[in-house]
Protein backbone atom coordinates (compact mmCIF):
# COMPACT_ATOMS: atom_id res chain seq x y z
CA MET A 1 39.18 -97.25 44.35
CA TRP A 2 37.86 -95.32 45.36
CA LEU A 3 38.47 -92.61 44.62
CA ALA A 4 40.00 -95.83 44.50
CA VAL A 5 37.81 -94.97 44.28
CA ILE A 6 34.94 -94.98 41.94
CA VAL A 7 33.74 -95.19 38.32
CA VAL A 8 33.17 -97.62 35.44
CA ALA A 9 33.92 -97.72 31.73
CA GLY A 10 31.76 -95.21 29.97
CA GLY A 11 30.66 -95.12 26.38
CA CYS A 12 33.02 -94.22 23.57
CA GLY A 13 32.22 -92.17 20.56
CA GLY A 14 32.89 -89.14 18.45
CA GLY A 15 30.33 -86.65 19.69
CA GLU A 16 30.43 -82.89 19.35
CA MET A 17 31.84 -82.30 22.84
CA THR A 18 35.06 -80.29 22.79
CA LEU A 19 38.13 -81.29 24.76
CA THR A 20 37.59 -78.33 27.07
CA GLU A 21 33.99 -79.36 27.73
CA TYR A 22 35.08 -82.94 28.28
CA VAL A 23 37.66 -81.97 30.90
CA GLU A 24 35.09 -79.79 32.66
CA ARG A 25 32.55 -82.65 32.77
CA ILE A 26 35.09 -85.12 34.12
CA ASP A 27 36.36 -82.63 36.66
CA ALA A 28 32.82 -82.01 37.92
CA ILE A 29 32.20 -85.74 38.39
CA PHE A 30 35.30 -86.24 40.46
CA ASP A 31 34.92 -83.04 42.44
CA ARG A 32 31.53 -84.24 43.58
CA GLY A 33 32.78 -87.76 44.27
CA SER A 34 35.72 -86.44 46.27
CA GLN A 35 33.48 -84.24 48.41
CA GLN A 36 31.15 -87.16 49.08
CA TYR A 37 34.04 -89.46 49.91
CA GLU A 38 35.43 -86.94 52.39
CA VAL A 39 32.10 -86.98 54.23
CA VAL A 40 32.29 -90.77 54.47
CA VAL A 41 35.88 -90.74 55.74
CA GLU A 42 34.96 -88.21 58.42
CA SER A 43 32.08 -90.35 59.68
CA PRO A 44 32.57 -92.55 62.81
CA GLU A 45 33.09 -95.66 60.69
CA GLY A 46 34.77 -93.99 57.74
CA LEU A 47 38.33 -93.90 59.03
CA VAL A 48 38.43 -97.67 58.53
CA LEU A 49 38.86 -96.90 54.81
CA ILE A 50 42.20 -95.25 55.56
CA ALA A 51 43.29 -97.54 58.39
CA GLY A 52 42.74 -100.58 56.20
CA GLN A 53 44.25 -99.28 52.96
CA GLY A 54 46.79 -96.67 53.99
CA SER A 55 46.65 -92.94 53.44
CA HIS A 56 45.25 -91.91 50.06
CA PHE A 57 43.67 -88.82 48.51
CA GLY A 58 45.41 -86.78 51.19
CA PHE A 59 43.66 -88.43 54.13
CA ASP A 60 45.66 -89.31 57.24
CA ASP A 61 44.92 -92.45 59.24
CA GLN A 62 45.24 -90.37 62.45
CA GLY A 63 47.05 -93.26 64.07
CA ALA A 64 44.07 -95.59 63.75
CA GLN A 65 44.62 -99.32 63.30
CA LEU A 66 42.45 -101.80 61.45
CA THR A 67 41.78 -103.58 64.73
CA ASP A 68 40.16 -100.41 66.10
CA PHE A 69 37.24 -101.20 63.80
CA THR A 70 35.08 -104.18 62.91
CA PRO A 71 34.14 -105.59 59.50
CA GLN A 72 30.68 -104.16 60.15
CA ASP A 73 32.22 -100.67 60.28
CA LEU A 74 33.71 -101.38 56.86
CA HIS A 75 30.31 -102.58 55.68
CA VAL A 76 28.71 -99.25 56.59
CA ALA A 77 31.51 -97.18 55.03
CA LEU A 78 31.71 -99.22 51.82
CA GLU A 79 27.98 -99.16 51.28
CA ARG A 80 28.23 -95.37 51.17
CA VAL A 81 31.23 -95.55 48.82
CA ALA A 82 29.30 -97.93 46.56
CA GLU A 83 26.55 -95.31 46.30
CA ILE A 84 29.13 -92.70 45.30
CA GLN A 85 30.48 -95.08 42.67
CA ALA A 86 27.01 -95.73 41.27
CA GLU A 87 26.30 -92.02 40.93
CA ALA A 88 29.64 -91.39 39.23
CA LEU A 89 29.08 -94.37 36.93
CA GLU A 90 25.79 -92.96 35.75
CA ALA A 91 27.32 -89.54 35.10
CA ALA A 92 30.31 -90.98 33.24
CA ALA A 93 28.16 -93.24 31.08
CA ALA A 94 26.28 -90.18 29.83
CA ILE A 95 29.46 -88.69 28.38
CA ASP A 96 30.22 -89.13 24.69
CA PRO A 97 33.90 -88.15 24.60
CA PRO A 98 35.71 -86.35 21.79
CA GLU A 99 36.87 -88.80 19.15
CA GLN A 100 40.57 -88.19 19.73
CA ILE A 101 40.39 -89.39 23.33
CA ALA A 102 37.60 -91.95 23.13
CA ASP A 103 40.04 -94.81 23.69
CA LEU A 104 41.52 -93.05 26.73
CA HIS A 105 38.02 -92.50 28.13
CA ALA A 106 37.31 -96.21 27.92
CA LEU A 107 40.67 -97.01 29.48
CA TYR A 108 40.36 -95.01 32.65
CA PHE A 109 36.72 -95.45 33.61
CA ARG A 110 36.15 -98.74 35.41
CA GLU A 111 34.16 -100.24 38.26
CA LEU A 112 35.59 -101.63 41.47
CA PRO A 113 33.81 -104.52 43.29
CA ILE A 114 32.93 -102.33 46.25
CA ALA A 115 29.32 -103.38 46.75
CA GLU A 116 30.26 -107.04 46.85
CA LEU A 117 32.94 -106.44 49.47
CA ALA A 118 30.55 -104.28 51.49
CA ALA A 119 27.99 -107.08 51.57
CA ARG A 120 30.57 -109.64 52.66
CA ALA A 121 31.89 -107.34 55.37
CA GLY A 122 28.40 -107.10 56.81
CA ILE A 123 28.31 -110.81 57.66
CA ALA A 124 31.98 -111.49 58.43
CA ALA A 125 32.69 -112.74 61.95
CA ASP A 126 36.08 -111.04 62.09
CA TRP A 127 38.87 -109.50 59.99
CA ASP A 128 40.55 -112.86 59.40
CA GLU A 129 37.40 -114.29 57.85
CA LEU A 130 36.87 -111.23 55.68
CA SER A 131 40.52 -111.11 54.66
CA GLU A 132 40.36 -114.65 53.30
CA SER A 133 37.04 -114.22 51.50
CA PRO A 134 36.62 -114.38 47.71
CA GLU A 135 35.19 -110.86 47.78
CA MET A 136 38.35 -109.49 49.38
CA ALA A 137 40.49 -111.39 46.88
CA ALA A 138 38.52 -109.81 44.03
CA TYR A 139 38.87 -106.34 45.56
CA ARG A 140 42.63 -106.71 46.01
CA ALA A 141 42.95 -107.98 42.45
CA ALA A 142 41.05 -104.93 41.19
CA LEU A 143 43.40 -102.61 43.08
CA ALA A 144 46.41 -104.41 41.60
CA ALA A 145 44.86 -104.03 38.15
CA ASP A 146 44.55 -100.29 38.81
CA ASN A 147 48.32 -100.10 39.17
CA GLN A 148 48.67 -101.63 35.73
CA THR A 149 45.91 -99.43 34.29
CA CYS A 150 47.81 -96.33 35.37
CA ALA A 151 50.97 -97.61 33.71
CA ASP A 152 49.04 -98.46 30.55
CA PHE A 153 47.38 -95.05 30.51
CA GLN A 154 50.68 -93.22 30.86
CA ALA A 155 52.11 -95.18 27.96
CA LYS A 156 49.05 -94.41 25.83
CA LEU A 157 49.09 -90.73 26.77
CA ASP A 158 52.77 -90.50 25.90
CA ALA A 159 52.14 -92.15 22.54
CA THR A 160 49.16 -89.87 21.85
CA SER A 161 51.23 -86.80 22.60
CA GLU A 162 54.06 -88.05 20.39
CA ARG A 163 51.62 -88.52 17.50
CA GLY A 164 50.77 -84.84 17.75
CA THR A 165 47.08 -85.45 18.47
CA PHE A 166 47.08 -82.45 20.78
CA ALA A 167 49.22 -80.26 18.51
CA ASP A 168 46.44 -77.71 18.11
CA ALA A 169 45.75 -77.56 21.86
CA PRO A 170 49.07 -77.64 23.71
CA TRP A 171 47.40 -77.17 27.11
CA ILE A 172 45.56 -80.48 26.87
CA PRO A 173 48.34 -83.01 27.72
CA ASN A 174 49.14 -81.52 31.13
CA GLU A 175 45.57 -80.75 32.08
CA LEU A 176 44.31 -84.10 30.84
CA THR A 177 47.08 -85.83 32.77
CA GLU A 178 46.00 -84.07 35.94
CA ILE A 179 42.35 -84.97 35.45
CA VAL A 180 43.11 -88.59 34.64
CA ASP A 181 45.50 -88.92 37.57
CA TYR A 182 42.65 -87.66 39.72
CA ALA A 183 40.20 -90.08 38.15
CA LEU A 184 42.47 -93.07 38.34
CA GLY A 185 43.97 -92.14 41.66
CA CYS A 186 47.38 -92.74 40.11
CA ALA A 187 48.98 -90.34 42.55
CA SER A 188 47.36 -92.20 45.44
CA LEU A 189 47.78 -95.82 44.40
CA ILE A 190 47.95 -98.38 47.16
CA GLU A 191 51.49 -99.67 47.04
CA HIS A 192 50.71 -103.18 48.28
CA PRO A 193 47.15 -104.13 47.26
CA ASP A 194 47.51 -107.61 48.71
CA ASP A 195 47.81 -106.13 52.19
CA VAL A 196 44.60 -104.08 52.26
CA TYR A 197 42.29 -104.94 55.14
CA ARG A 198 44.64 -107.71 56.19
CA PRO A 199 44.75 -107.99 59.97
CA PRO A 200 48.11 -108.22 61.75
CA PRO A 201 49.19 -111.76 62.60
CA ALA A 202 48.11 -113.02 65.98
CA ILE A 203 50.79 -112.80 68.65
CA THR A 204 51.44 -116.16 70.24
CA PRO A 205 52.85 -116.36 73.76
């Protein structure tokens, strides 16, 4: 996500937007999404997002365990996150990025299968059932793909910088890197996607 959170591939193109305007638009989208996500995390059910995935975006699990919650708690929290994603998707799709970073724009805007997992969590009998569901498998696969997306983006950004695309605006590489790291959540990647929302093994006597 969110926000491992939380957007989809937007349109590409060579509009009149400047790089400065582009960064400001992207920053505004993710500032709003981050504020909304914080509200969810601070709700009674919201801490399940951290307990089940590990600390990210600066949030602490406060010692909570996945077993302190139910799949229905996750259902409530993820439904709210899905709404945040939908709003961000709409905002991102309205952006026609500057030509020199149109390919980067397409690379780092993507959708996570949050709504599908939220729906499945709402009817799961327990964490074991949800953990083994196709919806959870798809979500974990999307998180793993995010790891690769971040690596691909860094390689593309490095190559872009080496080509001198930003030669006339030397501030762009660092600022763009910061914005994209924020968007992708590269600094907050889940280290072991296959373990998210996986309950601890049952203890046998």
